[in-house]
């Protein structure tokens, strides 16, 4: 159990670094969604399903919101 938590935390660190140094905004948004998913899974492993559900909902809503904003930004820049 402790090994799984450590692996998930290492994954979160790796995803955070890739988000910080990402060049493509669309890929960064998708990687942010992976960060939210791993965080949700970590909450489930730690025994907090209510927090995991909230993280899942916020992760999905924010990803959809980011994609809608990117679509509008790319449309206006052309």
Foldseek 3Di string as FASTA:
>chain_A
DVVVLVVLVVVLVVLVVCLVPPDDPLVSLVSLLVNLQSVLVSCVVVPNNVVSVVSNVVSVVVSVVSVVVVVVVVVVVD
